[in-house]
Amino acid sequence: MAPLLELRNVTKVYSRGLIHRTSTTALENVSLTLDEHEPTILTVAGESGSGKTTLAMLLLGFIAPSSGQILYKGKDISTLTGAERLAFRREVQAVFQDPFAVFNPFYTVDHLLSVPIEKFKLAKSKAEARDKMYEALTAVGLRPEDILGRFPHQLSGGQRQRINVARALVLRPRLLVADEPVSMVDASLRANILETLRSLQRDYGVSIIYITHDLTTAYHIARSIIVLYRGGVMEAGDVDAVIKHPQHPYTRLLIDSIPWPDLDRRWGETEIKAREAEDGSVGTGCRFAPRCPFVMEQCKNPPPLFQVGPHQTASCFLYATKPELEPERLSELLPV
């Protein structure tokens, strides 16, 4: 049986300018497979400009890849039409970063939840539609009687974000793409939203691609992680192994930037240069070479993925003695 979702050597290049045309490679040669019968939570992490949001837009079908394929249940999403495309739109849902921007201030919460039910004909009566709204709101930890009938400005940021999750849940999705879902929410509410996402995966069988720059939340929610830098996979594998024992210099930089509740421990103890000037190209060698303290002559060539552990791989020549891993086999290392 075909996987739920499959990326095959996906690359996305943005071009701009008419006379002096320039190109930016936002994502390059990324392959990924999610099994339909093994719902999981996969984190995609990296700093701003690493290609995380581009990946989310590709997965949702909002933009098309420059090369490669994105398959949903074995079919290229760019060729889906009619009922198949409608099913894809229902089964692949998103939760975006800003819980304040996705609401129309002139409509109540009822409208936000009832529209997708009507559009996809998921209820035969208003009573059944209301039951589905109650179930979805309860599933994300909200009291329907306190939420329905209210306008967005009457709700907190945490409530709005959980309503966004409820809106996706009411459609019974198979895949949820969560792009920085807690970055604009108070710290006190982040744990609640993250636990809501975990319960969706556990209780409703929803696979989740959790996109973030925050490795602390990534560690607590996911089983596996992919670390991106300037559109390329730097490191991937079991989240416990990658966070506790990072192998790629870039991953070490991300881990080292996490603030610790220890006044005697300095942030940024690893000597790594600040972001280099970007001209929109990644060159022919290692993308991280201009910032890497371990750069070598062979870094002028693009490093492949090396398998550095049973469930861990890194794209770095520091591990040139390790077996190489084809990009298409990356998902085999990711635990579910």
C-alpha atoms as a PDB file:
ATOM      1  CA  MET A   1       0.000   0.000   0.000  1.00  0.00           C
ATOM      2  CA  ALA A   2       1.219   3.494  -0.855  1.00  0.00           C
ATOM      3  CA  PRO A   3       2.503   5.733   1.989  1.00  0.00           C
ATOM      4  CA  LEU A   4       0.282   8.479   3.356  1.00  0.00           C
ATOM      5  CA  LEU A   5       2.744  11.137   2.182  1.00  0.00           C
ATOM      6  CA  GLU A   6       5.939  10.921   0.184  1.00  0.00           C
ATOM      7  CA  LEU A   7       8.428  13.574  -0.903  1.00  0.00           C
ATOM      8  CA  ARG A   8      10.761  12.401  -3.659  1.00  0.00           C
ATOM      9  CA  ASN A   9      13.872  14.533  -4.121  1.00  0.00           C
ATOM     10  CA  VAL A  10      11.897  17.759  -3.747  1.00  0.00           C
ATOM     11  CA  THR A  11      13.623  21.046  -4.592  1.00  0.00           C
ATOM     12  CA  LYS A  12      12.098  24.520  -4.507  1.00  0.00           C
ATOM     13  CA  VAL A  13      13.840  27.483  -6.164  1.00  0.00           C
ATOM     14  CA  TYR A  14      12.474  31.026  -6.019  1.00  0.00           C
ATOM     15  CA  SER A  15      13.429  33.413  -8.819  1.00  0.00           C
ATOM     16  CA  ARG A  16      13.072  37.178  -8.984  1.00  0.00           C
ATOM     17  CA  GLY A  17      13.976  39.999 -11.319  1.00  0.00           C
ATOM     18  CA  LEU A  18      13.404  40.465 -15.044  1.00  0.00           C
ATOM     19  CA  ILE A  19      16.668  41.865 -16.362  1.00  0.00           C
ATOM     20  CA  HIS A  20      19.037  40.743 -13.613  1.00  0.00           C
ATOM     21  CA  ARG A  21      17.431  37.464 -12.625  1.00  0.00           C
ATOM     22  CA  THR A  22      18.496  35.894  -9.326  1.00  0.00           C
ATOM     23  CA  SER A  23      17.502  32.613  -7.745  1.00  0.00           C
ATOM     24  CA  THR A  24      17.241  31.380  -4.169  1.00  0.00           C
ATOM     25  CA  THR A  25      17.186  27.686  -3.363  1.00  0.00           C
ATOM     26  CA  ALA A  26      14.769  27.410  -0.433  1.00  0.00           C
ATOM     27  CA  LEU A  27      14.731  23.609  -0.321  1.00  0.00           C
ATOM     28  CA  GLU A  28      17.027  21.144  -2.062  1.00  0.00           C
ATOM     29  CA  ASN A  29      16.703  17.405  -2.671  1.00  0.00           C
ATOM     30  CA  VAL A  30      14.540  16.574   0.362  1.00  0.00           C
ATOM     31  CA  SER A  31      12.969  13.122   0.576  1.00  0.00           C
ATOM     32  CA  LEU A  32      10.535  11.994   3.246  1.00  0.00           C
ATOM     33  CA  THR A  33       7.947   9.257   3.764  1.00  0.00           C
ATOM     34  CA  LEU A  34       5.102   9.030   6.289  1.00  0.00           C
ATOM     35  CA  ASP A  35       3.367   5.677   6.718  1.00  0.00           C
ATOM     36  CA  GLU A  36      -0.428   5.725   6.596  1.00  0.00           C
ATOM     37  CA  HIS A  37      -0.835   3.104   9.314  1.00  0.00           C
ATOM     38  CA  GLU A  38       1.753   4.429  11.783  1.00  0.00           C
ATOM     39  CA  PRO A  39       0.748   7.961  12.856  1.00  0.00           C
ATOM     40  CA  THR A  40       3.735   9.872  14.151  1.00  0.00           C
ATOM     41  CA  ILE A  41       4.940  13.333  15.117  1.00  0.00           C
ATOM     42  CA  LEU A  42       7.924  14.539  13.103  1.00  0.00           C
ATOM     43  CA  THR A  43       9.692  17.793  13.935  1.00  0.00           C
ATOM     44  CA  VAL A  44      11.294  19.922  11.223  1.00  0.00           C
ATOM     45  CA  ALA A  45      13.647  22.375  12.938  1.00  0.00           C
ATOM     46  CA  GLY A  46      15.989  25.155  11.895  1.00  0.00           C
ATOM     47  CA  GLU A  47      16.578  28.888  12.123  1.00  0.00           C
ATOM     48  CA  SER A  48      14.811  31.512  10.024  1.00  0.00           C
ATOM     49  CA  GLY A  49      15.512  31.026   6.339  1.00  0.00           C
ATOM     50  CA  SER A  50      16.214  27.317   6.648  1.00  0.00           C
ATOM     51  CA  GLY A  51      13.287  26.300   4.422  1.00  0.00           C
ATOM     52  CA  LYS A  52      10.809  25.182   7.093  1.00  0.00           C
ATOM     53  CA  THR A  53       7.846  27.252   5.936  1.00  0.00           C
ATOM     54  CA  THR A  54       8.588  26.481   2.286  1.00  0.00           C
ATOM     55  CA  LEU A  55       8.350  22.797   3.189  1.00  0.00           C
ATOM     56  CA  ALA A  56       4.997  23.432   4.886  1.00  0.00           C
ATOM     57  CA  MET A  57       3.640  25.274   1.837  1.00  0.00           C
ATOM     58  CA  LEU A  58       4.759  22.414  -0.405  1.00  0.00           C
ATOM     59  CA  LEU A  59       3.140  19.779   1.802  1.00  0.00           C
ATOM     60  CA  LEU A  60      -0.140  21.686   1.792  1.00  0.00           C
ATOM     61  CA  GLY A  61      -0.072  22.068  -1.987  1.00  0.00           C
ATOM     62  CA  PHE A  62      -0.020  25.858  -1.803  1.00  0.00           C
ATOM     63  CA  ILE A  63       3.108  26.020  -3.977  1.00  0.00           C
ATOM     64  CA  ALA A  64       4.589  23.558  -6.466  1.00  0.00           C
ATOM     65  CA  PRO A  65       8.118  22.106  -6.290  1.00  0.00           C
ATOM     66  CA  SER A  66      10.666  23.194  -8.875  1.00  0.00           C
ATOM     67  CA  SER A  67      11.663  19.543  -9.232  1.00  0.00           C
ATOM     68  CA  GLY A  68      10.769  16.275  -7.592  1.00  0.00           C
ATOM     69  CA  GLN A  69       7.374  14.930  -6.590  1.00  0.00           C
ATOM     70  CA  ILE A  70       4.998  15.149  -3.642  1.00  0.00           C
ATOM     71  CA  LEU A  71       2.730  12.111  -3.470  1.00  0.00           C
ATOM     72  CA  TYR A  72      -0.340  11.668  -1.278  1.00  0.00           C
ATOM     73  CA  LYS A  73      -1.500   8.073  -1.052  1.00  0.00           C
ATOM     74  CA  GLY A  74       0.562   7.309  -4.124  1.00  0.00           C
ATOM     75  CA  LYS A  75      -0.709  10.140  -6.332  1.00  0.00           C
ATOM     76  CA  ASP A  76       1.105  13.355  -7.272  1.00  0.00           C
ATOM     77  CA  ILE A  77      -0.796  16.166  -5.545  1.00  0.00           C
ATOM     78  CA  SER A  78      -0.294  18.428  -8.575  1.00  0.00           C
ATOM     79  CA  THR A  79      -2.437  16.064 -10.678  1.00  0.00           C
ATOM     80  CA  LEU A  80      -5.309  15.638  -8.208  1.00  0.00           C
ATOM     81  CA  THR A  81      -8.704  16.765  -9.468  1.00  0.00           C
ATOM     82  CA  GLY A  82     -12.326  16.516  -8.417  1.00  0.00           C
ATOM     83  CA  ALA A  83     -13.124  14.242  -5.483  1.00  0.00           C
ATOM     84  CA  GLU A  84      -9.470  13.278  -4.975  1.00  0.00           C
ATOM     85  CA  ARG A  85      -8.390  16.886  -4.615  1.00  0.00           C
ATOM     86  CA  LEU A  86     -11.294  17.599  -2.252  1.00  0.00           C
ATOM     87  CA  ALA A  87     -10.276  14.606  -0.133  1.00  0.00           C
ATOM     88  CA  PHE A  88      -6.682  15.859  -0.020  1.00  0.00           C
ATOM     89  CA  ARG A  89      -7.845  19.307   1.094  1.00  0.00           C
ATOM     90  CA  ARG A  90      -9.896  17.742   3.888  1.00  0.00           C
ATOM     91  CA  GLU A  91      -7.326  15.190   5.052  1.00  0.00           C
ATOM     92  CA  VAL A  92      -4.273  17.513   5.069  1.00  0.00           C
ATOM     93  CA  GLN A  93      -4.845  20.428   7.418  1.00  0.00           C
ATOM     94  CA  ALA A  94      -2.695  23.229   8.831  1.00  0.00           C
ATOM     95  CA  VAL A  95      -2.236  25.173  12.052  1.00  0.00           C
ATOM     96  CA  PHE A  96      -0.295  28.365  11.432  1.00  0.00           C
ATOM     97  CA  GLN A  97       1.867  30.552  13.631  1.00  0.00           C
ATOM     98  CA  ASP A  98      -0.327  33.576  14.232  1.00  0.00           C
ATOM     99  CA  PRO A  99      -3.587  32.807  16.105  1.00  0.00           C
ATOM    100  CA  PHE A 100      -4.648  36.443  15.669  1.00  0.00           C
ATOM    101  CA  ALA A 101      -4.422  36.675  11.876  1.00  0.00           C
ATOM    102  CA  VAL A 102      -6.519  33.676  10.827  1.00  0.00           C
ATOM    103  CA  PHE A 103      -9.804  34.896  12.312  1.00  0.00           C
ATOM    104  CA  ASN A 104     -12.307  37.188  10.658  1.00  0.00           C
ATOM    105  CA  PRO A 105     -13.256  39.572  13.488  1.00  0.00           C
ATOM    106  CA  PHE A 106     -16.822  39.880  12.165  1.00  0.00           C
ATOM    107  CA  TYR A 107     -17.653  36.182  12.629  1.00  0.00           C
ATOM    108  CA  THR A 108     -18.122  34.100  15.750  1.00  0.00           C
ATOM    109  CA  VAL A 109     -16.331  30.845  16.545  1.00  0.00           C
ATOM    110  CA  ASP A 110     -19.430  28.967  15.389  1.00  0.00           C
ATOM    111  CA  HIS A 111     -18.907  30.257  11.859  1.00  0.00           C
ATOM    112  CA  LEU A 112     -15.245  29.253  11.801  1.00  0.00           C
ATOM    113  CA  LEU A 113     -16.131  25.666  12.700  1.00  0.00           C
ATOM    114  CA  SER A 114     -19.376  25.305  10.746  1.00  0.00           C
ATOM    115  CA  VAL A 115     -18.039  26.445   7.367  1.00  0.00           C
ATOM    116  CA  PRO A 116     -15.665  23.478   6.831  1.00  0.00           C
ATOM    117  CA  ILE A 117     -18.393  21.079   7.997  1.00  0.00           C
ATOM    118  CA  GLU A 118     -20.769  22.511   5.387  1.00  0.00           C
ATOM    119  CA  LYS A 119     -18.137  22.726   2.653  1.00  0.00           C
ATOM    120  CA  PHE A 120     -17.145  19.080   2.977  1.00  0.00           C
ATOM    121  CA  LYS A 121     -20.714  17.881   3.734  1.00  0.00           C
ATOM    122  CA  LEU A 122     -19.717  16.215   7.003  1.00  0.00           C
ATOM    123  CA  ALA A 123     -23.080  16.593   8.732  1.00  0.00           C
ATOM    124  CA  LYS A 124     -26.638  15.841   7.653  1.00  0.00           C
ATOM    125  CA  SER A 125     -28.260  18.287  10.035  1.00  0.00           C
ATOM    126  CA  LYS A 126     -27.474  21.358  12.121  1.00  0.00           C
ATOM    127  CA  ALA A 127     -27.710  19.235  15.246  1.00  0.00           C
ATOM    128  CA  GLU A 128     -25.090  16.811  13.936  1.00  0.00           C
ATOM    129  CA  ALA A 129     -22.844  19.721  12.913  1.00  0.00           C
ATOM    130  CA  ARG A 130     -23.125  21.179  16.399  1.00  0.00           C
ATOM    131  CA  ASP A 131     -22.264  17.817  17.934  1.00  0.00           C
ATOM    132  CA  LYS A 132     -19.093  17.720  15.799  1.00  0.00           C
ATOM    133  CA  MET A 133     -18.148  21.233  16.927  1.00  0.00           C
ATOM    134  CA  TYR A 134     -18.693  20.270  20.578  1.00  0.00           C
ATOM    135  CA  GLU A 135     -16.568  17.144  20.156  1.00  0.00           C
ATOM    136  CA  ALA A 136     -13.707  19.026  18.478  1.00  0.00           C
ATOM    137  CA  LEU A 137     -13.640  21.820  21.067  1.00  0.00           C
ATOM    138  CA  THR A 138     -13.730  19.323  23.933  1.00  0.00           C
ATOM    139  CA  ALA A 139     -10.894  17.337  22.347  1.00  0.00           C
ATOM    140  CA  VAL A 140      -8.612  20.406  22.455  1.00  0.00           C
ATOM    141  CA  GLY A 141      -9.426  21.175  26.075  1.00  0.00           C
ATOM    142  CA  LEU A 142     -12.024  23.908  25.633  1.00  0.00           C
ATOM    143  CA  ARG A 143     -15.529  24.157  27.102  1.00  0.00           C
ATOM    144  CA  PRO A 144     -17.920  24.573  24.120  1.00  0.00           C
ATOM    145  CA  GLU A 145     -20.438  26.472  26.228  1.00  0.00           C
ATOM    146  CA  ASP A 146     -17.763  29.063  27.006  1.00  0.00           C
ATOM    147  CA  ILE A 147     -16.478  29.380  23.434  1.00  0.00           C
ATOM    148  CA  LEU A 148     -19.355  29.099  20.975  1.00  0.00           C
ATOM    149  CA  GLY A 149     -21.120  32.362  20.230  1.00  0.00           C
ATOM    150  CA  ARG A 150     -18.073  34.476  21.073  1.00  0.00           C
ATOM    151  CA  PHE A 151     -16.044  36.704  18.765  1.00  0.00           C
ATOM    152  CA  PRO A 152     -12.256  36.354  18.297  1.00  0.00           C
ATOM    153  CA  HIS A 153     -11.458  39.524  20.271  1.00  0.00           C
ATOM    154  CA  GLN A 154     -13.196  37.998  23.282  1.00  0.00           C
ATOM    155  CA  LEU A 155     -10.740  35.080  23.384  1.00  0.00           C
ATOM    156  CA  SER A 156      -7.137  34.747  24.515  1.00  0.00           C
ATOM    157  CA  GLY A 157      -4.310  33.823  22.166  1.00  0.00           C
ATOM    158  CA  GLY A 158      -4.141  30.331  23.610  1.00  0.00           C
ATOM    159  CA  GLN A 159      -7.877  29.819  23.120  1.00  0.00           C
ATOM    160  CA  ARG A 160      -7.655  31.021  19.525  1.00  0.00           C
ATOM    161  CA  GLN A 161      -4.812  28.664  18.730  1.00  0.00           C
ATOM    162  CA  ARG A 162      -6.670  25.705  20.216  1.00  0.00           C
ATOM    163  CA  ILE A 163      -9.720  26.684  18.175  1.00  0.00           C
ATOM    164  CA  ASN A 164      -7.484  26.522  15.110  1.00  0.00           C
ATOM    165  CA  VAL A 165      -6.586  22.967  16.075  1.00  0.00           C
ATOM    166  CA  ALA A 166     -10.276  22.194  16.647  1.00  0.00           C
ATOM    167  CA  ARG A 167     -11.111  23.568  13.197  1.00  0.00           C
ATOM    168  CA  ALA A 168      -8.633  21.132  11.680  1.00  0.00           C
ATOM    169  CA  LEU A 169      -9.807  18.254  13.878  1.00  0.00           C
ATOM    170  CA  VAL A 170     -13.454  18.651  12.911  1.00  0.00           C
ATOM    171  CA  LEU A 171     -12.462  17.536   9.394  1.00  0.00           C
ATOM    172  CA  ARG A 172     -10.910  14.306  10.700  1.00  0.00           C
ATOM    173  CA  PRO A 173      -7.545  14.914   8.966  1.00  0.00           C
ATOM    174  CA  ARG A 174      -4.899  12.274   8.362  1.00  0.00           C
ATOM    175  CA  LEU A 175      -2.037  14.791   8.411  1.00  0.00           C
ATOM    176  CA  LEU A 176      -1.640  18.062  10.315  1.00  0.00           C
ATOM    177  CA  VAL A 177       1.065  20.542   9.341  1.00  0.00           C
ATOM    178  CA  ALA A 178       1.732  22.710  12.400  1.00  0.00           C
ATOM    179  CA  ASP A 179       3.956  25.666  11.476  1.00  0.00           C
ATOM    180  CA  GLU A 180       5.332  27.312  14.648  1.00  0.00           C
ATOM    181  CA  PRO A 181       1.981  26.777  16.441  1.00  0.00           C
ATOM    182  CA  VAL A 182       3.140  27.979  19.879  1.00  0.00           C
ATOM    183  CA  SER A 183       5.660  30.702  19.059  1.00  0.00           C
ATOM    184  CA  MET A 184       3.118  33.509  19.600  1.00  0.00           C
ATOM    185  CA  VAL A 185       1.423  31.972  22.624  1.00  0.00           C
ATOM    186  CA  ASP A 186       2.254  32.658  26.280  1.00  0.00           C
ATOM    187  CA  ALA A 187       4.704  30.185  27.769  1.00  0.00           C
ATOM    188  CA  SER A 188       2.087  29.084  30.292  1.00  0.00           C
ATOM    189  CA  LEU A 189      -0.178  27.877  27.461  1.00  0.00           C
ATOM    190  CA  ARG A 190       2.415  26.176  25.280  1.00  0.00           C
ATOM    191  CA  ALA A 191       2.339  22.945  27.238  1.00  0.00           C
ATOM    192  CA  ASN A 192      -1.448  22.750  26.856  1.00  0.00           C
ATOM    193  CA  ILE A 193      -1.308  23.200  23.095  1.00  0.00           C
ATOM    194  CA  LEU A 194       1.557  20.731  22.706  1.00  0.00           C
ATOM    195  CA  GLU A 195      -0.337  18.170  24.771  1.00  0.00           C
ATOM    196  CA  THR A 196      -3.364  18.775  22.552  1.00  0.00           C
ATOM    197  CA  LEU A 197      -1.276  17.947  19.482  1.00  0.00           C
ATOM    198  CA  ARG A 198       0.054  14.795  21.132  1.00  0.00           C
ATOM    199  CA  SER A 199      -3.467  13.661  21.986  1.00  0.00           C
ATOM    200  CA  LEU A 200      -4.520  14.143  18.351  1.00  0.00           C
ATOM    201  CA  GLN A 201      -1.743  11.795  17.260  1.00  0.00           C
ATOM    202  CA  ARG A 202      -2.427   9.303  20.046  1.00  0.00           C
ATOM    203  CA  ASP A 203      -6.237   9.292  20.165  1.00  0.00           C
ATOM    204  CA  TYR A 204      -7.237  10.226  16.629  1.00  0.00           C
ATOM    205  CA  GLY A 205      -4.416   8.696  14.577  1.00  0.00           C
ATOM    206  CA  VAL A 206      -3.324  12.021  13.047  1.00  0.00           C
ATOM    207  CA  SER A 207       0.260  12.283  11.791  1.00  0.00           C
ATOM    208  CA  ILE A 208       1.765  15.680  12.605  1.00  0.00           C
ATOM    209  CA  ILE A 209       4.638  17.551  11.013  1.00  0.00           C
ATOM    210  CA  TYR A 210       5.669  20.010  13.705  1.00  0.00           C
ATOM    211  CA  ILE A 211       7.707  22.898  12.302  1.00  0.00           C
ATOM    212  CA  THR A 212       9.671  24.994  14.764  1.00  0.00           C
ATOM    213  CA  HIS A 213      12.893  26.797  15.640  1.00  0.00           C
ATOM    214  CA  ASP A 214      12.421  25.898  19.305  1.00  0.00           C
ATOM    215  CA  LEU A 215      14.231  22.653  20.075  1.00  0.00           C
ATOM    216  CA  THR A 216      12.870  22.497  23.618  1.00  0.00           C
ATOM    217  CA  THR A 217       9.297  22.054  22.391  1.00  0.00           C
ATOM    218  CA  ALA A 218      10.526  19.746  19.623  1.00  0.00           C
ATOM    219  CA  TYR A 219      12.097  17.483  22.212  1.00  0.00           C
ATOM    220  CA  HIS A 220       8.903  17.189  24.246  1.00  0.00           C
ATOM    221  CA  ILE A 221       6.460  16.539  21.417  1.00  0.00           C
ATOM    222  CA  ALA A 222       8.189  14.515  18.697  1.00  0.00           C
ATOM    223  CA  ARG A 223       9.695  11.065  18.216  1.00  0.00           C
ATOM    224  CA  SER A 224      11.929  12.087  15.319  1.00  0.00           C
ATOM    225  CA  ILE A 225      13.486  15.271  13.967  1.00  0.00           C
ATOM    226  CA  ILE A 226      14.921  16.719  10.766  1.00  0.00           C
ATOM    227  CA  VAL A 227      17.255  19.715  11.094  1.00  0.00           C
ATOM    228  CA  LEU A 228      17.331  22.032   8.068  1.00  0.00           C
ATOM    229  CA  TYR A 229      19.841  24.715   7.165  1.00  0.00           C
ATOM    230  CA  ARG A 230      19.483  26.860   4.035  1.00  0.00           C
ATOM    231  CA  GLY A 231      17.257  24.274   2.420  1.00  0.00           C
ATOM    232  CA  GLY A 232      19.334  21.177   3.116  1.00  0.00           C
ATOM    233  CA  VAL A 233      19.098  18.379   5.690  1.00  0.00           C
ATOM    234  CA  MET A 234      21.963  18.782   8.170  1.00  0.00           C
ATOM    235  CA  GLU A 235      20.986  16.099  10.669  1.00  0.00           C
ATOM    236  CA  ALA A 236      18.035  13.787  11.285  1.00  0.00           C
ATOM    237  CA  GLY A 237      16.946  10.869  13.397  1.00  0.00           C
ATOM    238  CA  ASP A 238      15.594   9.980  16.818  1.00  0.00           C
ATOM    239  CA  VAL A 239      14.852  13.231  18.648  1.00  0.00           C
ATOM    240  CA  ASP A 240      16.428  11.967  21.876  1.00  0.00           C
ATOM    241  CA  ALA A 241      19.701  11.113  20.114  1.00  0.00           C
ATOM    242  CA  VAL A 242      19.846  14.321  18.067  1.00  0.00           C
ATOM    243  CA  ILE A 243      19.086  16.666  20.984  1.00  0.00           C
ATOM    244  CA  LYS A 244      21.252  14.932  23.584  1.00  0.00           C
ATOM    245  CA  HIS A 245      24.108  13.952  21.278  1.00  0.00           C
ATOM    246  CA  PRO A 246      24.122  16.333  18.272  1.00  0.00           C
ATOM    247  CA  GLN A 247      26.678  15.364  15.642  1.00  0.00           C
ATOM    248  CA  HIS A 248      26.491  18.148  13.057  1.00  0.00           C
ATOM    249  CA  PRO A 249      28.170  21.472  14.020  1.00  0.00           C
ATOM    250  CA  TYR A 250      25.002  23.343  13.071  1.00  0.00           C
ATOM    251  CA  THR A 251      22.840  21.209  15.368  1.00  0.00           C
ATOM    252  CA  ARG A 252      25.347  21.834  18.143  1.00  0.00           C
ATOM    253  CA  LEU A 253      24.938  25.562  17.527  1.00  0.00           C
ATOM    254  CA  LEU A 254      21.163  25.265  17.873  1.00  0.00           C
ATOM    255  CA  ILE A 255      21.449  23.205  21.050  1.00  0.00           C
ATOM    256  CA  ASP A 256      24.025  25.609  22.492  1.00  0.00           C
ATOM    257  CA  SER A 257      21.690  28.551  21.928  1.00  0.00           C
ATOM    258  CA  ILE A 258      19.019  27.104  24.243  1.00  0.00           C
ATOM    259  CA  PRO A 259      18.854  29.172  27.457  1.00  0.00           C
ATOM    260  CA  TRP A 260      19.472  27.115  30.589  1.00  0.00           C
ATOM    261  CA  PRO A 261      18.347  27.987  34.154  1.00  0.00           C
ATOM    262  CA  ASP A 262      21.959  28.094  35.294  1.00  0.00           C
ATOM    263  CA  LEU A 263      23.618  31.463  35.927  1.00  0.00           C
ATOM    264  CA  ASP A 264      27.079  29.900  35.751  1.00  0.00           C
ATOM    265  CA  ARG A 265      26.527  28.470  32.284  1.00  0.00           C
ATOM    266  CA  ARG A 266      27.190  30.794  29.360  1.00  0.00           C
ATOM    267  CA  TRP A 267      25.068  30.775  26.235  1.00  0.00           C
ATOM    268  CA  GLY A 268      26.852  30.262  22.951  1.00  0.00           C
ATOM    269  CA  GLU A 269      29.996  28.633  24.315  1.00  0.00           C
ATOM    270  CA  THR A 270      30.561  26.945  20.955  1.00  0.00           C
ATOM    271  CA  GLU A 271      32.704  29.183  18.756  1.00  0.00           C
ATOM    272  CA  ILE A 272      30.639  29.479  15.577  1.00  0.00           C
ATOM    273  CA  LYS A 273      30.431  32.518  13.345  1.00  0.00           C
ATOM    274  CA  ALA A 274      27.296  34.585  13.021  1.00  0.00           C
ATOM    275  CA  ARG A 275      25.200  34.195   9.911  1.00  0.00           C
ATOM    276  CA  GLU A 276      27.195  34.968   6.794  1.00  0.00           C
ATOM    277  CA  ALA A 277      26.004  37.402   4.152  1.00  0.00           C
ATOM    278  CA  GLU A 278      23.554  35.648   1.870  1.00  0.00           C
ATOM    279  CA  ASP A 279      23.415  36.236  -1.859  1.00  0.00           C
ATOM    280  CA  GLY A 280      20.612  33.752  -2.495  1.00  0.00           C
ATOM    281  CA  SER A 281      22.859  30.875  -3.562  1.00  0.00           C
ATOM    282  CA  VAL A 282      24.310  28.029  -1.556  1.00  0.00           C
ATOM    283  CA  GLY A 283      27.379  27.416  -3.697  1.00  0.00           C
ATOM    284  CA  THR A 284      28.625  23.965  -4.574  1.00  0.00           C
ATOM    285  CA  GLY A 285      30.014  22.889  -1.226  1.00  0.00           C
ATOM    286  CA  CYS A 286      28.707  22.463   2.299  1.00  0.00           C
ATOM    287  CA  ARG A 287      26.105  25.127   3.092  1.00  0.00           C
ATOM    288  CA  PHE A 288      27.371  25.502   6.634  1.00  0.00           C
ATOM    289  CA  ALA A 289      31.076  25.770   5.733  1.00  0.00           C
ATOM    290  CA  PRO A 290      31.306  29.610   6.032  1.00  0.00           C
ATOM    291  CA  ARG A 291      30.215  29.362   9.686  1.00  0.00           C
ATOM    292  CA  CYS A 292      31.738  26.031  10.671  1.00  0.00           C
ATOM    293  CA  PRO A 293      34.757  25.892  13.040  1.00  0.00           C
ATOM    294  CA  PHE A 294      35.705  22.462  11.641  1.00  0.00           C
ATOM    295  CA  VAL A 295      35.719  23.385   7.953  1.00  0.00           C
ATOM    296  CA  MET A 296      38.095  21.298   5.812  1.00  0.00           C
ATOM    297  CA  GLU A 297      39.332  21.321   2.236  1.00  0.00           C
ATOM    298  CA  GLN A 298      36.825  18.631   1.240  1.00  0.00           C
ATOM    299  CA  CYS A 299      33.960  20.848   2.433  1.00  0.00           C
ATOM    300  CA  LYS A 300      34.200  22.549  -0.958  1.00  0.00           C
ATOM    301  CA  ASN A 301      32.142  19.558  -2.113  1.00  0.00           C
ATOM    302  CA  PRO A 302      28.583  18.919  -0.918  1.00  0.00           C
ATOM    303  CA  PRO A 303      28.646  16.303   1.867  1.00  0.00           C
ATOM    304  CA  PRO A 304      26.262  13.346   1.651  1.00  0.00           C
ATOM    305  CA  LEU A 305      24.312  12.010   4.591  1.00  0.00           C
ATOM    306  CA  PHE A 306      26.400   9.725   6.788  1.00  0.00           C
ATOM    307  CA  GLN A 307      24.760   7.263   9.152  1.00  0.00           C
ATOM    308  CA  VAL A 308      26.333   8.121  12.514  1.00  0.00           C
ATOM    309  CA  GLY A 309      24.078   5.914  14.640  1.00  0.00           C
ATOM    310  CA  PRO A 310      21.244   3.382  14.437  1.00  0.00           C
ATOM    311  CA  HIS A 311      18.695   6.199  14.231  1.00  0.00           C
ATOM    312  CA  GLN A 312      20.829   9.240  13.408  1.00  0.00           C
ATOM    313  CA  THR A 313      22.386  10.723  10.286  1.00  0.00           C
ATOM    314  CA  ALA A 314      24.451  13.864   9.639  1.00  0.00           C
ATOM    315  CA  SER A 315      25.529  15.641   6.487  1.00  0.00           C
ATOM    316  CA  CYS A 316      29.135  16.344   7.478  1.00  0.00           C
ATOM    317  CA  PHE A 317      32.575  15.125   6.327  1.00  0.00           C
ATOM    318  CA  LEU A 318      33.592  14.740   9.969  1.00  0.00           C
ATOM    319  CA  TYR A 319      31.928  11.334   9.614  1.00  0.00           C
ATOM    320  CA  ALA A 320      33.356  10.370   6.241  1.00  0.00           C
ATOM    321  CA  THR A 321      34.348   6.947   7.615  1.00  0.00           C
ATOM    322  CA  LYS A 322      30.680   6.151   8.338  1.00  0.00           C
ATOM    323  CA  PRO A 323      28.411   4.526   5.731  1.00  0.00           C
ATOM    324  CA  GLU A 324      26.601   6.891   3.402  1.00  0.00           C
ATOM    325  CA  LEU A 325      22.816   7.094   3.428  1.00  0.00           C
ATOM    326  CA  GLU A 326      20.843   7.813   0.281  1.00  0.00           C
ATOM    327  CA  PRO A 327      18.368  10.700   0.781  1.00  0.00           C
ATOM    328  CA  GLU A 328      15.520   8.402  -0.266  1.00  0.00           C
ATOM    329  CA  ARG A 329      16.270   6.145   2.724  1.00  0.00           C
ATOM    330  CA  LEU A 330      16.171   8.932   5.301  1.00  0.00           C
ATOM    331  CA  SER A 331      12.740   7.945   6.604  1.00  0.00           C
ATOM    332  CA  GLU A 332      13.998   4.449   7.433  1.00  0.00           C
ATOM    333  CA  LEU A 333      16.033   5.966  10.286  1.00  0.00           C
ATOM    334  CA  LEU A 334      13.165   7.984  11.744  1.00  0.00           C
ATOM    335  CA  PRO A 335      11.315   6.262  14.607  1.00  0.00           C
ATOM    336  CA  VAL A 336       7.506   6.397  14.637  1.00  0.00           C
END
